[in-house]
Amino acid sequence: MDPHLERLRQAIDGAISGLSGQQLSWHPEGKWCIAEVLEHLYLTYTGTIKGFERVMAAGKASTRARTWADRGRTFVVVGLGYLPFGRQAPAVARPTGLPREKVLAEILPKIAEMDEVIRRCEEIVGPGTLLDHPVLGPLSARQWRKFDLVHGRHHAKQIYKLRGDAR
């Protein structure tokens, strides 16, 4: 497994290990509970997998022209490893109420599946920019992996905080 995605898998695994039902469901007013944070991550992983599968099926990258704003956001998130707080998730990545048992059972395997599909896509299409991120714009396979690590760690910190607050 790619080192970034292995570190992501370890971060998520550590954050969810031993969670109680109460911890999964508890949340402050107006905020997501742990189950919803995990569903958000799960939806982003399944979306990434579908996007890379579309690129492989087409046999070519699916990206628009990169703007200066894309470059700036990518530098902050991927280059510096900082995901700013307070940005609302794209509609396709917002929790919809998937069964939490499904999300808990499948989230770590989805990371492995994502790793495999990105690797295969890179072999078929090449190492350049491959797929647009909805906020950061065109990203390469390496940038996608780093983004997923930064994004996952951001939410793992939220999960640890929610775990503590739920006690």
Protein backbone atom coordinates (compact mmCIF):
# COMPACT_ATOMS: atom_id res chain seq x y z
CA MET A 1 0.00 0.00 0.00
CA ASP A 2 1.15 3.53 -0.72
CA PRO A 3 2.77 5.04 2.43
CA HIS A 4 0.34 7.98 2.54
CA LEU A 5 -2.68 5.71 2.36
CA GLU A 6 -1.19 3.27 4.87
CA ARG A 7 -0.74 6.15 7.32
CA LEU A 8 -4.34 7.19 6.58
CA ARG A 9 -5.54 3.66 7.29
CA GLN A 10 -3.64 3.62 10.58
CA ALA A 11 -4.99 7.05 11.59
CA ILE A 12 -8.60 6.06 10.93
CA ASP A 13 -8.17 2.63 12.52
CA GLY A 14 -6.72 4.19 15.67
CA ALA A 15 -9.46 6.81 15.84
CA ILE A 16 -12.33 4.29 15.58
CA SER A 17 -10.85 1.47 17.64
CA GLY A 18 -13.10 0.55 20.56
CA LEU A 19 -15.81 3.13 19.91
CA SER A 20 -19.04 2.67 21.81
CA GLY A 21 -22.47 3.21 20.33
CA GLN A 22 -22.87 6.30 22.51
CA GLN A 23 -19.60 7.74 21.21
CA LEU A 24 -20.62 7.07 17.61
CA SER A 25 -23.89 8.96 18.03
CA TRP A 26 -23.04 11.85 20.36
CA HIS A 27 -22.46 15.30 18.88
CA PRO A 28 -22.56 18.94 19.92
CA GLU A 29 -25.47 20.98 18.62
CA GLY A 30 -25.14 21.63 14.89
CA LYS A 31 -22.10 19.35 14.42
CA TRP A 32 -21.65 15.88 12.99
CA CYS A 33 -21.37 12.84 15.24
CA ILE A 34 -18.52 10.35 14.75
CA ALA A 35 -20.73 8.09 12.62
CA GLU A 36 -21.44 11.02 10.30
CA VAL A 37 -17.75 11.99 10.11
CA LEU A 38 -16.95 8.40 9.16
CA GLU A 39 -19.75 8.36 6.59
CA HIS A 40 -18.35 11.58 5.11
CA LEU A 41 -14.92 9.95 4.77
CA TYR A 42 -16.50 6.77 3.35
CA LEU A 43 -18.37 8.82 0.74
CA THR A 44 -15.20 10.65 -0.27
CA TYR A 45 -13.37 7.33 -0.69
CA THR A 46 -16.16 5.78 -2.77
CA GLY A 47 -16.33 8.97 -4.86
CA THR A 48 -12.59 8.90 -5.47
CA ILE A 49 -12.77 5.25 -6.49
CA LYS A 50 -15.58 5.97 -8.97
CA GLY A 51 -13.71 8.96 -10.38
CA PHE A 52 -10.53 6.99 -10.99
CA GLU A 53 -12.54 4.11 -12.48
CA ARG A 54 -14.06 6.58 -14.97
CA VAL A 55 -10.58 7.82 -15.89
CA MET A 56 -9.39 4.24 -16.44
CA ALA A 57 -12.44 3.42 -18.57
CA ALA A 58 -11.79 6.50 -20.73
CA GLY A 59 -8.07 5.74 -20.91
CA LYS A 60 -7.22 9.39 -20.34
CA ALA A 61 -7.19 12.02 -17.61
CA SER A 62 -10.37 13.86 -16.72
CA THR A 63 -9.20 17.32 -15.70
CA ARG A 64 -9.86 20.92 -16.48
CA ALA A 65 -7.20 23.62 -16.73
CA ARG A 66 -5.57 24.35 -13.37
CA THR A 67 -6.15 27.90 -12.09
CA TRP A 68 -3.97 29.96 -9.76
CA ALA A 69 -6.61 29.49 -7.06
CA ASP A 70 -6.35 25.69 -7.55
CA ARG A 71 -2.57 25.92 -7.23
CA GLY A 72 -2.86 27.95 -4.03
CA ARG A 73 -5.38 25.63 -2.40
CA THR A 74 -3.39 22.56 -3.46
CA PHE A 75 -0.19 24.06 -2.06
CA VAL A 76 -1.82 24.69 1.32
CA VAL A 77 -3.52 21.31 1.61
CA VAL A 78 -1.16 18.95 -0.23
CA GLY A 79 2.08 20.90 0.03
CA LEU A 80 1.80 22.16 3.60
CA GLY A 81 -0.46 19.38 4.86
CA TYR A 82 -3.00 21.82 6.32
CA LEU A 83 -6.75 21.47 5.84
CA PRO A 84 -8.49 24.68 6.91
CA PHE A 85 -11.43 24.33 9.31
CA GLY A 86 -14.93 25.51 8.57
CA ARG A 87 -15.31 24.64 4.89
CA GLN A 88 -18.56 22.85 4.17
CA ALA A 89 -18.26 19.44 2.51
CA PRO A 90 -19.46 19.16 -1.10
CA ALA A 91 -23.04 17.89 -1.27
CA VAL A 92 -21.98 14.47 -2.60
CA ALA A 93 -19.79 13.93 0.49
CA ARG A 94 -22.33 14.92 3.16
CA PRO A 95 -23.73 12.17 5.37
CA THR A 96 -27.05 10.76 4.21
CA GLY A 97 -27.69 8.18 6.91
CA LEU A 98 -25.90 5.08 5.65
CA PRO A 99 -26.02 2.31 8.27
CA ARG A 100 -23.11 2.91 10.62
CA GLU A 101 -22.36 -0.81 10.75
CA LYS A 102 -21.78 -0.76 6.97
CA VAL A 103 -19.54 2.30 7.19
CA LEU A 104 -17.52 0.88 10.10
CA ALA A 105 -17.08 -2.47 8.35
CA GLU A 106 -16.13 -1.01 4.96
CA ILE A 107 -14.17 2.19 5.62
CA LEU A 108 -10.74 0.58 6.05
CA PRO A 109 -11.19 -1.80 3.08
CA LYS A 110 -12.27 1.24 1.00
CA ILE A 111 -8.88 2.84 1.67
CA ALA A 112 -7.17 -0.29 0.32
CA GLU A 113 -9.53 -0.35 -2.67
CA MET A 114 -8.82 3.33 -3.32
CA ASP A 115 -5.07 2.64 -3.20
CA GLU A 116 -5.44 -0.14 -5.76
CA VAL A 117 -7.62 1.82 -8.19
CA ILE A 118 -5.32 4.87 -8.04
CA ARG A 119 -2.30 2.62 -8.69
CA ARG A 120 -3.98 0.91 -11.65
CA CYS A 121 -5.14 4.24 -13.07
CA GLU A 122 -1.64 5.66 -12.83
CA GLU A 123 -0.29 2.61 -14.70
CA ILE A 124 -2.88 2.97 -17.48
CA VAL A 125 -2.98 6.75 -17.88
CA GLY A 126 0.38 7.91 -16.51
CA PRO A 127 1.69 10.00 -13.63
CA GLY A 128 0.37 13.46 -14.58
CA THR A 129 -2.80 15.13 -13.35
CA LEU A 130 -5.54 12.53 -13.57
CA LEU A 131 -8.71 13.69 -11.88
CA ASP A 132 -10.28 16.89 -10.60
CA HIS A 133 -10.88 17.30 -6.89
CA PRO A 134 -14.12 19.27 -6.28
CA VAL A 135 -12.29 21.97 -4.28
CA LEU A 136 -8.58 21.69 -5.16
CA GLY A 137 -8.95 21.14 -8.89
CA PRO A 138 -6.72 18.85 -10.99
CA LEU A 139 -4.55 16.47 -8.95
CA SER A 140 -2.05 13.76 -9.76
CA ALA A 141 -2.21 10.31 -8.15
CA ARG A 142 0.48 11.36 -5.65
CA GLN A 143 -1.45 14.52 -4.77
CA TRP A 144 -4.71 12.57 -4.33
CA ARG A 145 -3.00 10.20 -1.89
CA LYS A 146 -1.52 13.07 0.10
CA PHE A 147 -4.86 14.91 0.09
CA ASP A 148 -6.62 11.81 1.46
CA LEU A 149 -4.03 11.55 4.25
CA VAL A 150 -4.36 15.24 5.21
CA HIS A 151 -8.16 15.10 5.00
CA GLY A 152 -8.38 11.85 6.97
CA ARG A 153 -6.05 13.11 9.71
CA HIS A 154 -8.13 16.28 9.96
CA HIS A 155 -11.22 14.20 10.64
CA ALA A 156 -9.38 11.70 12.88
CA LYS A 157 -8.58 14.66 15.18
CA GLN A 158 -12.29 15.53 15.22
CA ILE A 159 -13.14 11.91 16.06
CA TYR A 160 -10.69 11.85 18.98
CA LYS A 161 -12.18 15.09 20.31
CA LEU A 162 -15.74 13.78 19.95
CA ARG A 163 -14.73 10.52 21.67
CA GLY A 164 -13.48 12.45 24.66
CA ASP A 165 -16.43 14.82 24.77
CA ALA A 166 -18.92 11.95 24.59
CA ARG A 167 -17.65 10.42 27.84
